[in-house]
Protein backbone atom coordinates (compact mmCIF):
# COMPACT_ATOMS: atom_id res chain seq x y z
CA MET A 1 42.52 237.61 20.86
CA GLN A 2 45.39 236.52 18.64
CA SER A 3 47.61 239.11 17.02
CA ASP A 4 48.30 239.03 13.27
CA ILE A 5 51.73 237.53 13.96
CA GLU A 6 50.17 234.75 16.03
CA LYS A 7 47.56 234.06 13.34
CA ILE A 8 50.26 233.99 10.65
CA GLU A 9 52.32 231.55 12.69
CA ALA A 10 49.28 229.35 13.30
CA SER A 11 48.51 229.22 9.57
CA ILE A 12 52.08 228.25 8.73
CA VAL A 13 52.18 225.56 11.42
CA ARG A 14 48.92 224.10 10.10
CA TYR A 15 50.29 224.17 6.56
CA GLN A 16 53.49 222.41 7.64
CA ALA A 17 51.41 219.60 9.17
CA LEU A 18 49.61 218.75 5.93
CA ARG A 19 49.92 215.25 4.56
CA ARG A 20 51.30 216.40 1.19
CA HIS A 21 54.64 217.12 2.83
CA SER A 22 55.17 213.61 4.20
CA ASP A 23 53.29 211.28 1.81
CA PRO A 24 54.55 211.40 -1.84
CA ALA A 25 51.83 209.03 -3.08
CA PHE A 26 49.11 211.20 -1.57
CA ALA A 27 50.78 214.31 -3.02
CA GLN A 28 50.46 212.75 -6.48
CA GLN A 29 46.75 212.15 -5.92
CA LEU A 30 46.38 215.72 -4.71
CA ALA A 31 48.00 216.94 -7.93
CA VAL A 32 45.22 215.21 -9.91
CA LEU A 33 42.62 217.27 -8.05
CA LYS A 34 44.63 220.48 -8.46
CA ARG A 35 44.87 219.94 -12.23
CA TRP A 36 41.11 219.40 -12.48
CA GLN A 37 40.42 222.54 -10.44
CA HIS A 38 42.82 224.58 -12.54
CA GLN A 39 41.28 223.38 -15.79
CA ARG A 40 37.79 224.09 -14.44
CA MET A 41 38.69 227.65 -13.50
CA GLU A 42 40.42 228.26 -16.83
CA LYS A 43 37.19 227.29 -18.60
CA THR A 44 35.01 229.23 -16.17
CA TYR A 45 37.01 232.44 -16.62
CA ALA A 46 38.15 231.93 -20.23
CA ALA A 47 36.72 235.31 -21.29
CA LEU A 48 38.64 237.19 -18.59
CA LEU A 49 41.82 235.24 -19.31
CA SER A 50 41.66 236.10 -23.00
CA ALA A 51 40.95 239.82 -22.50
CA SER A 52 44.07 241.99 -22.44
CA GLY A 53 42.68 244.20 -19.68
CA THR A 54 42.04 241.42 -17.17
CA GLN A 55 44.40 238.63 -18.26
CA SER A 56 47.28 239.41 -15.88
CA LEU A 57 44.97 239.96 -12.91
CA VAL A 58 43.04 236.71 -13.31
CA HIS A 59 46.25 234.81 -14.05
CA TYR A 60 47.72 236.16 -10.81
CA PHE A 61 44.82 234.92 -8.72
CA LEU A 62 44.62 231.52 -10.46
CA GLU A 63 48.35 230.79 -10.52
CA ASP A 64 49.88 232.67 -7.58
CA ILE A 65 47.02 232.63 -5.07
CA TYR A 66 44.96 229.51 -5.86
CA GLY A 67 48.09 227.68 -7.02
CA GLY A 68 49.57 227.77 -3.52
CA ILE A 69 52.11 230.04 -1.84
CA ASP A 70 55.77 229.02 -1.62
CA LEU A 71 56.58 229.02 2.11
CA SER A 72 59.89 227.16 1.88
CA GLU A 73 61.97 230.21 2.86
CA VAL A 74 59.79 231.16 5.81
CA ILE A 75 59.55 227.62 7.14
CA LYS A 76 63.35 227.26 7.28
CA SER A 77 63.56 229.89 10.01
CA LEU A 78 59.98 230.54 11.07
CA SER A 79 60.61 232.38 14.34
CA ARG A 80 63.24 234.69 12.81
CA SER A 81 61.14 235.42 9.71
CA LEU A 82 58.10 236.32 11.80
CA LYS A 83 60.14 238.68 14.00
CA ILE A 84 61.48 240.42 10.90
CA ALA A 85 57.99 240.65 9.40
CA GLY A 86 56.74 242.30 12.57
CA LYS A 87 59.49 244.90 12.37
CA LEU A 88 59.23 245.58 8.63
CA PHE A 89 55.47 245.86 8.19
CA SER A 90 53.24 247.97 10.39
CA ASP A 91 50.18 246.30 8.82
CA LEU A 92 50.39 242.52 8.50
CA SER A 93 46.77 241.98 7.47
CA LEU A 94 47.57 241.19 3.82
CA ILE A 95 50.10 238.54 4.78
CA ARG A 96 47.69 237.14 7.38
CA ILE A 97 44.84 236.89 4.85
CA ALA A 98 47.05 235.36 2.14
CA LEU A 99 48.40 232.69 4.50
CA GLU A 100 44.99 232.00 6.03
CA PHE A 101 43.60 231.38 2.55
CA ASN A 102 46.61 229.30 1.55
CA THR A 103 46.26 226.98 4.53
CA LEU A 104 42.47 226.73 4.48
CA ASN A 105 42.42 226.03 0.75
CA ALA A 106 45.17 223.42 1.13
CA GLU A 107 43.29 221.67 3.95
CA ILE A 108 40.10 221.59 1.86
CA ASP A 109 41.97 220.16 -1.12
CA GLU A 110 43.48 217.41 1.03
CA ALA A 111 40.06 216.50 2.43
CA LEU A 112 38.61 216.39 -1.11
CA THR A 113 41.52 214.25 -2.31
CA GLU A 114 40.94 211.86 0.59
CA ALA A 115 37.24 211.60 -0.25
CA LEU A 116 37.59 211.41 -4.04
CA LEU A 117 40.80 209.66 -4.89
CA HIS A 118 42.20 207.99 -1.80
CA THR A 119 39.08 206.48 -0.23
CA GLN A 120 36.66 206.12 -3.15
CA HIS A 121 39.37 205.53 -5.78
CA ILE A 122 37.57 207.66 -8.35
CA ASN A 123 39.48 207.67 -11.63
CA GLN A 124 38.02 210.79 -13.20
CA ILE A 125 36.83 213.87 -11.32
CA ASN A 126 33.69 215.59 -12.56
CA ALA A 127 31.17 218.15 -11.36
CA GLU A 128 28.98 215.49 -9.75
CA ASN A 129 31.52 213.52 -7.71
CA TYR A 130 33.34 216.74 -6.76
CA ALA A 131 30.11 218.08 -5.23
CA ASP A 132 29.37 214.69 -3.60
CA ALA A 133 32.80 214.71 -1.95
CA MET A 134 32.40 218.27 -0.74
CA ARG A 135 29.07 217.42 0.89
CA ALA A 136 30.30 214.12 2.34
CA ALA A 137 33.30 215.81 3.94
CA GLY A 138 31.24 218.80 5.15
CA LEU A 139 33.48 221.26 3.32
CA LEU A 140 31.06 223.71 1.70
CA GLU A 141 31.05 226.34 4.47
CA ARG A 142 34.84 226.23 4.74
CA HIS A 143 35.13 226.56 0.97
CA LEU A 144 32.82 229.57 0.94
CA ARG A 145 35.05 231.10 3.60
CA SER A 146 38.12 230.52 1.42
CA ILE A 147 36.36 232.27 -1.48
CA ALA A 148 35.56 235.24 0.76
CA LEU A 149 39.23 235.48 1.75
CA VAL A 150 40.17 236.02 -1.90
CA GLY A 151 37.88 239.04 -1.93
CA GLU A 152 39.40 240.34 1.31
CA PHE A 153 42.89 239.92 -0.14
CA ALA A 154 42.00 241.84 -3.32
CA GLU A 155 40.43 244.60 -1.23
CA GLY A 156 43.56 244.79 0.91
CA LEU A 157 45.82 245.05 -2.13
CA ASP A 158 43.71 247.87 -3.51
CA GLU A 159 43.65 249.78 -0.22
CA THR A 160 47.42 249.47 0.21
CA VAL A 161 48.17 250.65 -3.33
CA HIS A 162 46.12 253.78 -2.69
CA ASN A 163 47.70 254.48 0.70
CA ALA A 164 50.94 256.30 -0.06
CA LEU A 165 52.36 255.88 3.45
CA VAL A 166 51.73 252.14 3.75
CA TYR A 167 52.71 251.39 0.16
CA GLY A 168 55.89 253.47 0.50
CA ALA A 169 56.90 251.50 3.58
CA PHE A 170 56.31 248.28 1.66
CA VAL A 171 58.57 249.37 -1.21
CA VAL A 172 61.39 250.28 1.21
CA ALA A 173 61.12 246.84 2.86
CA LYS A 174 62.02 244.88 -0.29
CA LEU A 175 65.69 244.13 0.46
CA PRO A 176 65.29 243.53 4.22
CA ALA A 177 62.37 241.19 3.47
CA LYS A 178 64.49 239.18 1.06
CA LEU A 179 67.39 238.96 3.50
CA GLY A 180 65.02 237.92 6.28
CA GLY A 181 63.64 234.91 4.41
CA LEU A 182 60.47 236.71 3.31
CA GLY A 183 61.44 237.07 -0.34
CA LYS A 184 58.75 234.79 -1.78
CA LEU A 185 55.99 236.38 0.29
CA TYR A 186 57.21 239.84 -0.70
CA GLN A 187 57.20 238.86 -4.38
CA LEU A 188 53.64 237.58 -4.05
CA LEU A 189 52.44 240.92 -2.67
CA GLU A 190 54.59 242.93 -5.06
CA LYS A 191 53.10 241.15 -8.07
CA GLY A 192 49.62 241.72 -6.67
CA PHE A 193 50.28 245.44 -6.32
CA GLU A 194 51.54 245.56 -9.91
CA VAL A 195 48.43 244.01 -11.40
CA ILE A 196 46.14 246.11 -9.20
CA ARG A 197 47.89 249.33 -10.23
CA ALA A 198 47.68 248.39 -13.91
CA LEU A 199 43.92 247.84 -13.81
CA PRO A 200 41.73 250.52 -12.19
CA SER A 201 38.80 248.10 -11.97
CA ALA A 202 40.85 245.24 -10.51
CA GLU A 203 39.00 245.01 -7.20
CA GLN A 204 35.65 245.01 -9.04
CA THR A 205 36.83 242.25 -11.35
CA ILE A 206 37.92 240.04 -8.46
CA GLY A 207 34.68 240.90 -6.69
CA LYS A 208 32.77 239.51 -9.67
CA ILE A 209 34.84 236.32 -9.60
CA VAL A 210 34.26 235.91 -5.86
CA ALA A 211 30.52 236.41 -6.32
CA TYR A 212 30.44 233.94 -9.20
CA GLU A 213 32.34 231.28 -7.27
CA LYS A 214 29.80 231.61 -4.46
CA GLU A 215 26.94 231.43 -6.96
CA ILE A 216 28.11 228.17 -8.53
CA HIS A 217 29.10 226.52 -5.24
CA LEU A 218 26.06 227.35 -3.10
CA PRO A 219 23.76 224.85 -4.92
CA ILE A 220 26.08 222.05 -3.77
CA GLY A 221 24.44 222.44 -0.35
CA ASP A 222 21.09 221.57 -1.96
CA GLY A 223 22.41 218.39 -3.51
CA GLN A 224 23.31 219.85 -6.88
CA PRO A 225 26.56 219.29 -8.82
CA LEU A 226 29.08 222.09 -9.23
CA SER A 227 28.02 224.30 -12.12
CA LEU A 228 30.63 224.39 -14.90
CA LYS A 229 29.02 227.20 -16.87
CA PRO A 230 31.44 229.95 -17.97
CA MET A 231 31.16 233.36 -16.34
């Protein structure tokens, strides 16, 4: 069985191998899909994004998590960064989950871009051709897994915030993490802890989003388009 460090490394290696890093034209097509997804989620969760109590939390998950994690620092010295991570953090599960989601979501997006924009040359993405592409590429189960990882990540943030020993160790690790090339990953977790601490019902809110994403994606497996109804 792989350790967390090995799983983290595997996720980063997979992410490094993605086409977006070596094909600028494809990366531009991918950006079209990402914009459509972002606009869809902004409309789906407009009520949560406009409410003062949930705005920062939902923004964090849409922008910082779904938007993609900056791995440029880690990739520069992968082996060294992973060794430092293993020494600094006794529990690497949050980093493992975040990077697993990041890579899986990125792979799904590239497969959708290939099906929608690169192969079929679709000019405008909509709920129907998005669902068609997901079925054609056999991506629904993988996408449902990526949604579940968001829930696991939110649960992990909440558990860590309420564990004084683990959270205290995380706070102390800030400077060493930055010096070890883990600054961006540390900032991602730090921001997550901040929004979780500010909202007592944060985990429940993310749980509702996760459940809703599953609800509107499951019918794709039955030949239906993606539902665009607001939550």
